[in-house]
C-alpha atoms as a PDB file:
ATOM      1  CA  MET A   1      10.647 128.212 232.104  1.00  0.00           C
ATOM      2  CA  GLY A   2      13.559 129.512 234.192  1.00  0.00           C
ATOM      3  CA  PHE A   3      13.431 131.937 237.107  1.00  0.00           C
ATOM      4  CA  PHE A   4      14.808 134.900 235.158  1.00  0.00           C
ATOM      5  CA  ASP A   5      12.515 134.150 232.216  1.00  0.00           C
ATOM      6  CA  ARG A   6       9.505 134.220 234.545  1.00  0.00           C
ATOM      7  CA  LEU A   7      10.802 137.429 236.073  1.00  0.00           C
ATOM      8  CA  SER A   8      11.150 139.034 232.642  1.00  0.00           C
ATOM      9  CA  ASN A   9       7.755 137.738 231.561  1.00  0.00           C
ATOM     10  CA  GLY A  10       6.124 138.953 234.751  1.00  0.00           C
ATOM     11  CA  TRP A  11       7.662 142.369 234.185  1.00  0.00           C
ATOM     12  CA  ARG A  12       6.155 142.596 230.683  1.00  0.00           C
ATOM     13  CA  LEU A  13       2.734 141.612 232.012  1.00  0.00           C
ATOM     14  CA  THR A  14       3.045 144.123 234.829  1.00  0.00           C
ATOM     15  CA  GLN A  15       3.819 146.806 232.259  1.00  0.00           C
ATOM     16  CA  GLY A  16       0.641 145.832 230.432  1.00  0.00           C
ATOM     17  CA  SER A  17      -1.373 146.316 233.629  1.00  0.00           C
ATOM     18  CA  PHE A  18       0.206 149.710 234.209  1.00  0.00           C
ATOM     19  CA  SER A  19      -0.566 150.617 230.611  1.00  0.00           C
ATOM     20  CA  ILE A  20      -4.254 149.866 231.123  1.00  0.00           C
ATOM     21  CA  LEU A  21      -4.336 151.975 234.294  1.00  0.00           C
ATOM     22  CA  LYS A  22      -2.530 154.792 232.478  1.00  0.00           C
ATOM     23  CA  GLU A  23      -5.213 154.732 229.791  1.00  0.00           C
ATOM     24  CA  ASN A  24      -7.955 154.808 232.444  1.00  0.00           C
ATOM     25  CA  LYS A  25      -6.601 156.954 235.256  1.00  0.00           C
ATOM     26  CA  GLN A  26     -10.062 157.359 236.775  1.00  0.00           C
ATOM     27  CA  LEU A  27      -9.938 153.694 237.869  1.00  0.00           C
ATOM     28  CA  ILE A  28      -7.501 154.654 240.627  1.00  0.00           C
ATOM     29  CA  VAL A  29     -10.557 156.056 242.417  1.00  0.00           C
ATOM     30  CA  PHE A  30     -11.666 152.545 243.416  1.00  0.00           C
ATOM     31  CA  PRO A  31      -8.640 151.614 245.576  1.00  0.00           C
ATOM     32  CA  ILE A  32      -8.672 155.151 247.030  1.00  0.00           C
ATOM     33  CA  ILE A  33     -12.307 154.731 248.072  1.00  0.00           C
ATOM     34  CA  THR A  34     -11.456 151.280 249.433  1.00  0.00           C
ATOM     35  CA  PHE A  35      -8.597 152.677 251.515  1.00  0.00           C
ATOM     36  CA  LEU A  36     -10.711 155.508 252.920  1.00  0.00           C
ATOM     37  CA  SER A  37     -13.632 153.174 253.625  1.00  0.00           C
ATOM     38  CA  LEU A  38     -11.418 150.692 255.461  1.00  0.00           C
ATOM     39  CA  ALA A  39      -9.957 153.520 257.548  1.00  0.00           C
ATOM     40  CA  LEU A  40     -13.505 154.616 258.414  1.00  0.00           C
ATOM     41  CA  VAL A  41     -14.536 151.047 259.268  1.00  0.00           C
ATOM     42  CA  THR A  42     -11.478 150.542 261.490  1.00  0.00           C
ATOM     43  CA  GLY A  43     -12.127 153.845 263.259  1.00  0.00           C
ATOM     44  CA  SER A  44     -15.780 152.920 263.769  1.00  0.00           C
ATOM     45  CA  PHE A  45     -14.886 149.575 265.338  1.00  0.00           C
ATOM     46  CA  ILE A  46     -12.339 151.221 267.650  1.00  0.00           C
ATOM     47  CA  VAL A  47     -14.838 153.872 268.743  1.00  0.00           C
ATOM     48  CA  GLY A  48     -17.469 151.167 269.210  1.00  0.00           C
ATOM     49  CA  LEU A  49     -15.095 149.136 271.388  1.00  0.00           C
ATOM     50  CA  PHE A  50     -14.372 152.152 273.578  1.00  0.00           C
ATOM     51  CA  ALA A  51     -18.107 152.834 273.839  1.00  0.00           C
ATOM     52  CA  ILE A  52     -18.811 149.243 274.897  1.00  0.00           C
ATOM     53  CA  LYS A  53     -16.217 149.616 277.651  1.00  0.00           C
ATOM     54  CA  GLY A  54     -17.796 152.873 278.835  1.00  0.00           C
ATOM     55  CA  TRP A  55     -14.882 154.927 277.472  1.00  0.00           C
ATOM     56  CA  ASP A  56     -12.624 153.342 280.096  1.00  0.00           C
ATOM     57  CA  PHE A  57      -9.267 153.472 278.327  1.00  0.00           C
ATOM     58  CA  GLN A  58      -7.649 151.424 281.077  1.00  0.00           C
ATOM     59  CA  ASP A  59      -9.898 148.411 280.566  1.00  0.00           C
ATOM     60  CA  LEU A  60     -10.147 147.210 276.994  1.00  0.00           C
ATOM     61  CA  GLN A  61      -9.937 143.487 277.740  1.00  0.00           C
ATOM     62  CA  LEU A  62     -12.564 141.264 276.101  1.00  0.00           C
ATOM     63  CA  ASP A  63     -13.543 137.692 276.801  1.00  0.00           C
ATOM     64  CA  ARG A  64     -12.601 135.275 274.035  1.00  0.00           C
ATOM     65  CA  THR A  65     -16.140 134.898 272.681  1.00  0.00           C
ATOM     66  CA  SER A  66     -16.691 138.652 272.418  1.00  0.00           C
ATOM     67  CA  TYR A  67     -13.265 139.123 270.873  1.00  0.00           C
ATOM     68  CA  TYR A  68     -13.868 136.606 268.103  1.00  0.00           C
ATOM     69  CA  LEU A  69     -17.405 137.849 267.441  1.00  0.00           C
ATOM     70  CA  ILE A  70     -16.105 141.408 267.020  1.00  0.00           C
ATOM     71  CA  LEU A  71     -13.236 140.127 264.893  1.00  0.00           C
ATOM     72  CA  PHE A  72     -15.702 138.236 262.692  1.00  0.00           C
ATOM     73  CA  GLY A  73     -17.834 141.347 262.249  1.00  0.00           C
ATOM     74  CA  PHE A  74     -14.737 143.388 261.422  1.00  0.00           C
ATOM     75  CA  TYR A  75     -13.688 140.820 258.818  1.00  0.00           C
ATOM     76  CA  VAL A  76     -17.160 140.767 257.234  1.00  0.00           C
ATOM     77  CA  VAL A  77     -17.282 144.537 256.784  1.00  0.00           C
ATOM     78  CA  ASN A  78     -13.705 144.727 255.532  1.00  0.00           C
ATOM     79  CA  TYR A  79     -14.125 141.911 253.030  1.00  0.00           C
ATOM     80  CA  PHE A  80     -17.380 143.426 251.811  1.00  0.00           C
ATOM     81  CA  VAL A  81     -15.774 146.823 251.210  1.00  0.00           C
ATOM     82  CA  ILE A  82     -12.737 145.339 249.453  1.00  0.00           C
ATOM     83  CA  VAL A  83     -14.724 142.971 247.235  1.00  0.00           C
ATOM     84  CA  PHE A  84     -17.384 145.580 246.420  1.00  0.00           C
ATOM     85  CA  PHE A  85     -14.952 148.149 245.028  1.00  0.00           C
ATOM     86  CA  ASN A  86     -12.610 145.586 243.462  1.00  0.00           C
ATOM     87  CA  THR A  87     -15.593 144.082 241.653  1.00  0.00           C
ATOM     88  CA  ALA A  88     -16.417 147.549 240.336  1.00  0.00           C
ATOM     89  CA  LEU A  89     -12.809 147.917 239.139  1.00  0.00           C
ATOM     90  CA  ILE A  90     -12.818 144.490 237.493  1.00  0.00           C
ATOM     91  CA  HIS A  91     -16.020 145.344 235.638  1.00  0.00           C
ATOM     92  CA  CYS A  92     -14.563 148.648 234.445  1.00  0.00           C
ATOM     93  CA  ALA A  93     -11.512 146.750 233.197  1.00  0.00           C
ATOM     94  CA  ARG A  94     -13.793 144.382 231.284  1.00  0.00           C
ATOM     95  CA  LEU A  95     -15.635 147.340 229.748  1.00  0.00           C
ATOM     96  CA  TYR A  96     -12.291 148.693 228.559  1.00  0.00           C
ATOM     97  CA  PHE A  97     -11.269 145.299 227.165  1.00  0.00           C
ATOM     98  CA  ASN A  98     -14.544 145.215 225.225  1.00  0.00           C
ATOM     99  CA  GLY A  99     -13.932 148.659 223.735  1.00  0.00           C
ATOM    100  CA  GLU A 100     -16.502 150.406 225.940  1.00  0.00           C
ATOM    101  CA  GLU A 101     -15.904 153.477 228.066  1.00  0.00           C
ATOM    102  CA  PRO A 102     -15.363 152.544 231.736  1.00  0.00           C
ATOM    103  CA  THR A 103     -16.783 154.977 234.274  1.00  0.00           C
ATOM    104  CA  ILE A 104     -16.941 155.029 238.052  1.00  0.00           C
ATOM    105  CA  ALA A 105     -20.754 154.992 237.925  1.00  0.00           C
ATOM    106  CA  LYS A 106     -20.837 151.902 235.701  1.00  0.00           C
ATOM    107  CA  GLY A 107     -18.501 150.067 238.049  1.00  0.00           C
ATOM    108  CA  ILE A 108     -20.477 150.985 241.173  1.00  0.00           C
ATOM    109  CA  ASN A 109     -23.796 150.108 239.547  1.00  0.00           C
ATOM    110  CA  PHE A 110     -22.456 146.715 238.535  1.00  0.00           C
ATOM    111  CA  SER A 111     -21.255 145.992 242.079  1.00  0.00           C
ATOM    112  CA  ILE A 112     -24.674 146.986 243.407  1.00  0.00           C
ATOM    113  CA  SER A 113     -26.246 144.502 240.994  1.00  0.00           C
ATOM    114  CA  ARG A 114     -24.008 141.778 242.504  1.00  0.00           C
ATOM    115  CA  ILE A 115     -24.336 142.905 246.112  1.00  0.00           C
ATOM    116  CA  GLY A 116     -25.933 139.645 247.280  1.00  0.00           C
ATOM    117  CA  ALA A 117     -23.064 137.542 245.948  1.00  0.00           C
ATOM    118  CA  ILE A 118     -20.524 140.010 247.341  1.00  0.00           C
ATOM    119  CA  PHE A 119     -22.066 139.925 250.822  1.00  0.00           C
ATOM    120  CA  THR A 120     -22.292 136.123 250.773  1.00  0.00           C
ATOM    121  CA  TRP A 121     -18.618 135.911 249.861  1.00  0.00           C
ATOM    122  CA  ALA A 122     -17.738 138.394 252.625  1.00  0.00           C
ATOM    123  CA  LEU A 123     -19.496 136.155 255.170  1.00  0.00           C
ATOM    124  CA  PHE A 124     -17.728 133.075 253.843  1.00  0.00           C
ATOM    125  CA  ALA A 125     -14.268 134.677 253.724  1.00  0.00           C
ATOM    126  CA  ALA A 126     -14.765 136.175 257.190  1.00  0.00           C
ATOM    127  CA  THR A 127     -15.678 132.748 258.546  1.00  0.00           C
ATOM    128  CA  VAL A 128     -12.541 131.216 257.065  1.00  0.00           C
ATOM    129  CA  GLY A 129     -10.404 134.102 258.349  1.00  0.00           C
ATOM    130  CA  THR A 130     -11.845 133.867 261.865  1.00  0.00           C
ATOM    131  CA  ILE A 131     -11.365 130.097 262.018  1.00  0.00           C
ATOM    132  CA  LEU A 132      -7.742 130.450 260.926  1.00  0.00           C
ATOM    133  CA  ARG A 133      -7.219 133.190 263.522  1.00  0.00           C
ATOM    134  CA  ILE A 134      -8.713 131.008 266.280  1.00  0.00           C
ATOM    135  CA  ILE A 135      -6.445 128.123 265.302  1.00  0.00           C
ATOM    136  CA  GLN A 136      -3.417 130.426 265.113  1.00  0.00           C
ATOM    137  CA  ASP A 137      -4.161 131.833 268.582  1.00  0.00           C
ATOM    138  CA  ASN A 138      -4.479 128.406 270.157  1.00  0.00           C
ATOM    139  CA  VAL A 139      -1.786 126.212 268.623  1.00  0.00           C
ATOM    140  CA  ARG A 140       1.950 125.841 268.989  1.00  0.00           C
ATOM    141  CA  LEU A 141       4.648 126.751 266.470  1.00  0.00           C
ATOM    142  CA  ILE A 142       4.021 123.771 264.179  1.00  0.00           C
ATOM    143  CA  GLY A 143       0.326 124.611 264.162  1.00  0.00           C
ATOM    144  CA  LYS A 144       1.111 128.188 263.181  1.00  0.00           C
ATOM    145  CA  ILE A 145       3.245 126.930 260.294  1.00  0.00           C
ATOM    146  CA  ILE A 146       0.387 124.703 259.133  1.00  0.00           C
ATOM    147  CA  VAL A 147      -2.031 127.650 259.325  1.00  0.00           C
ATOM    148  CA  GLY A 148       0.448 129.699 257.291  1.00  0.00           C
ATOM    149  CA  ILE A 149       0.558 126.998 254.604  1.00  0.00           C
ATOM    150  CA  ILE A 150      -3.253 126.878 254.576  1.00  0.00           C
ATOM    151  CA  GLY A 151      -3.284 130.642 254.163  1.00  0.00           C
ATOM    152  CA  ILE A 152      -0.965 130.466 251.150  1.00  0.00           C
ATOM    153  CA  THR A 153      -3.069 127.680 249.623  1.00  0.00           C
ATOM    154  CA  TRP A 154      -6.195 129.750 250.190  1.00  0.00           C
ATOM    155  CA  GLY A 155      -4.603 132.729 248.449  1.00  0.00           C
ATOM    156  CA  VAL A 156      -3.661 130.657 245.395  1.00  0.00           C
ATOM    157  CA  SER A 157      -7.029 128.877 245.273  1.00  0.00           C
ATOM    158  CA  THR A 158      -8.972 132.143 245.407  1.00  0.00           C
ATOM    159  CA  PHE A 159      -6.868 133.944 242.787  1.00  0.00           C
ATOM    160  CA  PHE A 160      -9.807 134.149 240.356  1.00  0.00           C
ATOM    161  CA  VAL A 161     -12.556 134.466 242.962  1.00  0.00           C
ATOM    162  CA  LEU A 162     -13.351 138.143 242.328  1.00  0.00           C
ATOM    163  CA  PRO A 163     -14.154 137.795 238.614  1.00  0.00           C
ATOM    164  CA  VAL A 164     -15.897 134.472 239.299  1.00  0.00           C
ATOM    165  CA  ILE A 165     -18.147 136.169 241.858  1.00  0.00           C
ATOM    166  CA  ALA A 166     -18.704 139.037 239.449  1.00  0.00           C
ATOM    167  CA  TYR A 167     -19.638 137.044 236.350  1.00  0.00           C
ATOM    168  CA  GLU A 168     -20.555 133.487 237.318  1.00  0.00           C
ATOM    169  CA  GLU A 169     -23.729 132.569 239.205  1.00  0.00           C
ATOM    170  CA  VAL A 170     -22.126 130.390 241.867  1.00  0.00           C
ATOM    171  CA  GLY A 171     -22.007 130.309 245.666  1.00  0.00           C
ATOM    172  CA  PRO A 172     -18.875 130.743 247.809  1.00  0.00           C
ATOM    173  CA  PHE A 173     -17.845 127.065 247.850  1.00  0.00           C
ATOM    174  CA  ASP A 174     -18.325 126.723 244.104  1.00  0.00           C
ATOM    175  CA  ALA A 175     -16.546 130.050 243.582  1.00  0.00           C
ATOM    176  CA  VAL A 176     -13.445 128.682 245.331  1.00  0.00           C
ATOM    177  CA  LYS A 177     -13.687 125.402 243.385  1.00  0.00           C
ATOM    178  CA  ARG A 178     -14.126 127.277 240.118  1.00  0.00           C
ATOM    179  CA  SER A 179     -11.209 129.599 240.906  1.00  0.00           C
ATOM    180  CA  ALA A 180      -8.953 126.683 241.851  1.00  0.00           C
ATOM    181  CA  SER A 181     -10.063 124.796 238.745  1.00  0.00           C
ATOM    182  CA  LEU A 182      -9.165 127.719 236.499  1.00  0.00           C
ATOM    183  CA  MET A 183      -5.778 127.973 238.186  1.00  0.00           C
ATOM    184  CA  LYS A 184      -4.995 124.258 237.834  1.00  0.00           C
ATOM    185  CA  GLU A 185      -6.594 123.650 234.464  1.00  0.00           C
ATOM    186  CA  LYS A 186      -4.433 125.986 232.436  1.00  0.00           C
ATOM    187  CA  TRP A 187      -2.066 127.941 234.597  1.00  0.00           C
ATOM    188  CA  GLY A 188      -0.734 125.602 237.293  1.00  0.00           C
ATOM    189  CA  GLU A 189      -0.393 126.630 240.912  1.00  0.00           C
ATOM    190  CA  SER A 190       2.563 129.044 241.115  1.00  0.00           C
ATOM    191  CA  ILE A 191       2.041 132.647 240.119  1.00  0.00           C
ATOM    192  CA  GLY A 192       5.177 133.747 238.337  1.00  0.00           C
ATOM    193  CA  SER A 193       4.223 137.408 238.237  1.00  0.00           C
ATOM    194  CA  SER A 194       3.879 137.792 241.998  1.00  0.00           C
ATOM    195  CA  PHE A 195       7.609 138.339 242.279  1.00  0.00           C
ATOM    196  CA  SER A 196       7.482 141.177 239.776  1.00  0.00           C
ATOM    197  CA  PHE A 197       4.682 142.997 241.572  1.00  0.00           C
ATOM    198  CA  GLY A 198       6.407 142.504 244.921  1.00  0.00           C
ATOM    199  CA  ALA A 199       9.794 143.541 243.531  1.00  0.00           C
ATOM    200  CA  ILE A 200       8.399 146.739 242.000  1.00  0.00           C
ATOM    201  CA  GLN A 201       6.695 147.675 245.248  1.00  0.00           C
ATOM    202  CA  PHE A 202       9.865 146.923 247.243  1.00  0.00           C
ATOM    203  CA  VAL A 203      12.027 149.011 244.917  1.00  0.00           C
ATOM    204  CA  LEU A 204       9.596 151.930 245.078  1.00  0.00           C
ATOM    205  CA  PHE A 205       9.647 151.768 248.864  1.00  0.00           C
ATOM    206  CA  LEU A 206      13.439 151.473 248.950  1.00  0.00           C
ATOM    207  CA  ILE A 207      13.887 154.474 246.651  1.00  0.00           C
ATOM    208  CA  ALA A 208      11.958 156.674 249.071  1.00  0.00           C
ATOM    209  CA  ILE A 209      13.385 155.452 252.379  1.00  0.00           C
ATOM    210  CA  ILE A 210      16.868 156.976 252.050  1.00  0.00           C
ATOM    211  CA  PRO A 211      15.856 160.537 250.999  1.00  0.00           C
ATOM    212  CA  LEU A 212      13.006 160.570 253.523  1.00  0.00           C
ATOM    213  CA  THR A 213      15.350 159.411 256.286  1.00  0.00           C
ATOM    214  CA  LEU A 214      17.887 162.114 255.423  1.00  0.00           C
ATOM    215  CA  PHE A 215      15.139 164.740 255.189  1.00  0.00           C
ATOM    216  CA  GLY A 216      13.818 163.721 258.587  1.00  0.00           C
ATOM    217  CA  ALA A 217      17.247 163.644 260.207  1.00  0.00           C
ATOM    218  CA  PHE A 218      18.515 166.992 258.929  1.00  0.00           C
ATOM    219  CA  ILE A 219      15.453 169.094 258.107  1.00  0.00           C
ATOM    220  CA  ASN A 220      12.096 168.155 259.625  1.00  0.00           C
ATOM    221  CA  ALA A 221      11.099 164.745 260.996  1.00  0.00           C
ATOM    222  CA  PRO A 222       7.286 165.291 261.177  1.00  0.00           C
ATOM    223  CA  ILE A 223       7.169 166.494 257.562  1.00  0.00           C
ATOM    224  CA  ALA A 224       9.305 163.530 256.488  1.00  0.00           C
ATOM    225  CA  ILE A 225       6.901 161.138 258.220  1.00  0.00           C
ATOM    226  CA  ALA A 226       3.908 162.820 256.590  1.00  0.00           C
ATOM    227  CA  LEU A 227       5.535 162.687 253.150  1.00  0.00           C
ATOM    228  CA  GLY A 228       6.481 159.061 253.711  1.00  0.00           C
ATOM    229  CA  LEU A 229       2.948 158.062 254.659  1.00  0.00           C
ATOM    230  CA  LEU A 230       1.580 159.897 251.636  1.00  0.00           C
ATOM    231  CA  TYR A 231       4.110 158.329 249.273  1.00  0.00           C
ATOM    232  CA  PHE A 232       3.616 154.797 250.589  1.00  0.00           C
ATOM    233  CA  SER A 233      -0.165 155.215 250.422  1.00  0.00           C
ATOM    234  CA  VAL A 234       0.073 156.292 246.784  1.00  0.00           C
ATOM    235  CA  VAL A 235       2.311 153.331 245.922  1.00  0.00           C
ATOM    236  CA  LEU A 236       0.013 150.832 247.655  1.00  0.00           C
ATOM    237  CA  THR A 237      -3.039 152.356 245.974  1.00  0.00           C
ATOM    238  CA  VAL A 238      -1.532 152.194 242.488  1.00  0.00           C
ATOM    239  CA  MET A 239      -0.223 148.652 242.993  1.00  0.00           C
ATOM    240  CA  SER A 240      -3.629 147.532 244.268  1.00  0.00           C
ATOM    241  CA  ALA A 241      -5.307 148.891 241.138  1.00  0.00           C
ATOM    242  CA  VAL A 242      -2.689 147.308 238.854  1.00  0.00           C
ATOM    243  CA  ARG A 243      -3.015 143.890 240.527  1.00  0.00           C
ATOM    244  CA  THR A 244      -6.803 143.947 240.202  1.00  0.00           C
ATOM    245  CA  ILE A 245      -6.579 144.939 236.530  1.00  0.00           C
ATOM    246  CA  PHE A 246      -4.072 142.124 236.017  1.00  0.00           C
ATOM    247  CA  ILE A 247      -6.470 139.571 237.555  1.00  0.00           C
ATOM    248  CA  ALA A 248      -9.284 140.843 235.334  1.00  0.00           C
ATOM    249  CA  ALA A 249      -7.090 140.568 232.230  1.00  0.00           C
ATOM    250  CA  VAL A 250      -5.911 137.058 233.056  1.00  0.00           C
ATOM    251  CA  TYR A 251      -9.492 135.924 233.730  1.00  0.00           C
ATOM    252  CA  GLU A 252     -10.619 137.291 230.379  1.00  0.00           C
ATOM    253  CA  THR A 253      -7.781 135.517 228.600  1.00  0.00           C
ATOM    254  CA  VAL A 254      -8.394 132.234 230.443  1.00  0.00           C
ATOM    255  CA  ASN A 255     -11.949 132.384 229.143  1.00  0.00           C
ATOM    256  CA  HIS A 256     -10.683 132.933 225.589  1.00  0.00           C
ATOM    257  CA  ARG A 257     -11.366 136.655 225.419  1.00  0.00           C
ATOM    258  CA  PRO A 258      -7.998 138.137 224.321  1.00  0.00           C
ATOM    259  CA  VAL A 259      -6.749 141.354 225.881  1.00  0.00           C
ATOM    260  CA  LYS A 260      -4.582 143.407 223.541  1.00  0.00           C
ATOM    261  CA  GLU A 261      -2.119 144.506 226.256  1.00  0.00           C
ATOM    262  CA  PHE A 262      -1.354 140.849 227.111  1.00  0.00           C
ATOM    263  CA  GLU A 263       0.133 138.372 224.700  1.00  0.00           C
ATOM    264  CA  SER A 264      -1.459 134.932 225.003  1.00  0.00           C
ATOM    265  CA  THR A 265       1.911 133.164 224.985  1.00  0.00           C
ATOM    266  CA  SER A 266       3.173 135.354 227.822  1.00  0.00           C
ATOM    267  CA  LEU A 267       0.135 134.509 229.924  1.00  0.00           C
ATOM    268  CA  ASP A 268       0.519 130.807 229.191  1.00  0.00           C
ATOM    269  CA  ASP A 269       4.097 130.937 230.480  1.00  0.00           C
ATOM    270  CA  LEU A 270       3.161 133.026 233.510  1.00  0.00           C
ATOM    271  CA  PHE A 271       2.516 129.974 235.651  1.00  0.00           C
ATOM    272  CA  ILE A 272       4.550 126.840 236.260  1.00  0.00           C
ATOM    273  CA  GLN A 273       2.739 123.917 234.715  1.00  0.00           C
ATOM    274  CA  LYS A 274       2.082 120.900 236.910  1.00  0.00           C
END
């Protein structure tokens, strides 16, 4: 399958994801809550750091052990928040695929029922993230490149982790193995649709940059900045929801549960076979 064919195919699949979100606009609430929660978590950690230092804004240096412990805690909370609400969104998508009515309450209640698995995964992912950060902070250029490759491999291997955590009774290690197995077994290792999602997001950003820049230069810079932040936040929120719905749809199809918005042949061609 050629590059432009994959691009076209990825575009059709992206349209299917947007179609599902359009039919269930309330699902956009989940990435919004995630964004607000992460902002609150980040603010809490910053305030906590200042408090630890006695509100001395001139001395925020930490020893390496304290730094990595705080970083680990930050990762745990962030991963927990992201996985919790994305799991709720994935479950709502499944309800829709099954012809049921998806609601915010149903999604949240499902995530609560899987809270142990979600927290365990957050600990595991935070451990991996902290280890990679330690290596990145203490190696030379070649080491950083290797860490970058590991990061890409991790991203591909964990593509199906969220639905696996949601619906399969497995631990973190088995979740990664199961996710990687699903990727290799039927889809290969290269995600053809990633370019489409990235291209759409880039185009949406590019469309706004020029008018916002002109508005800021000739009318009012603070308002232009505020509008820009709002616009980019909306784009990122929508794209986050669409990507999560896409993952849910692909997982359902991999497990032989067809999703009407996605043609089976298109999904089969979405990845480069090994």
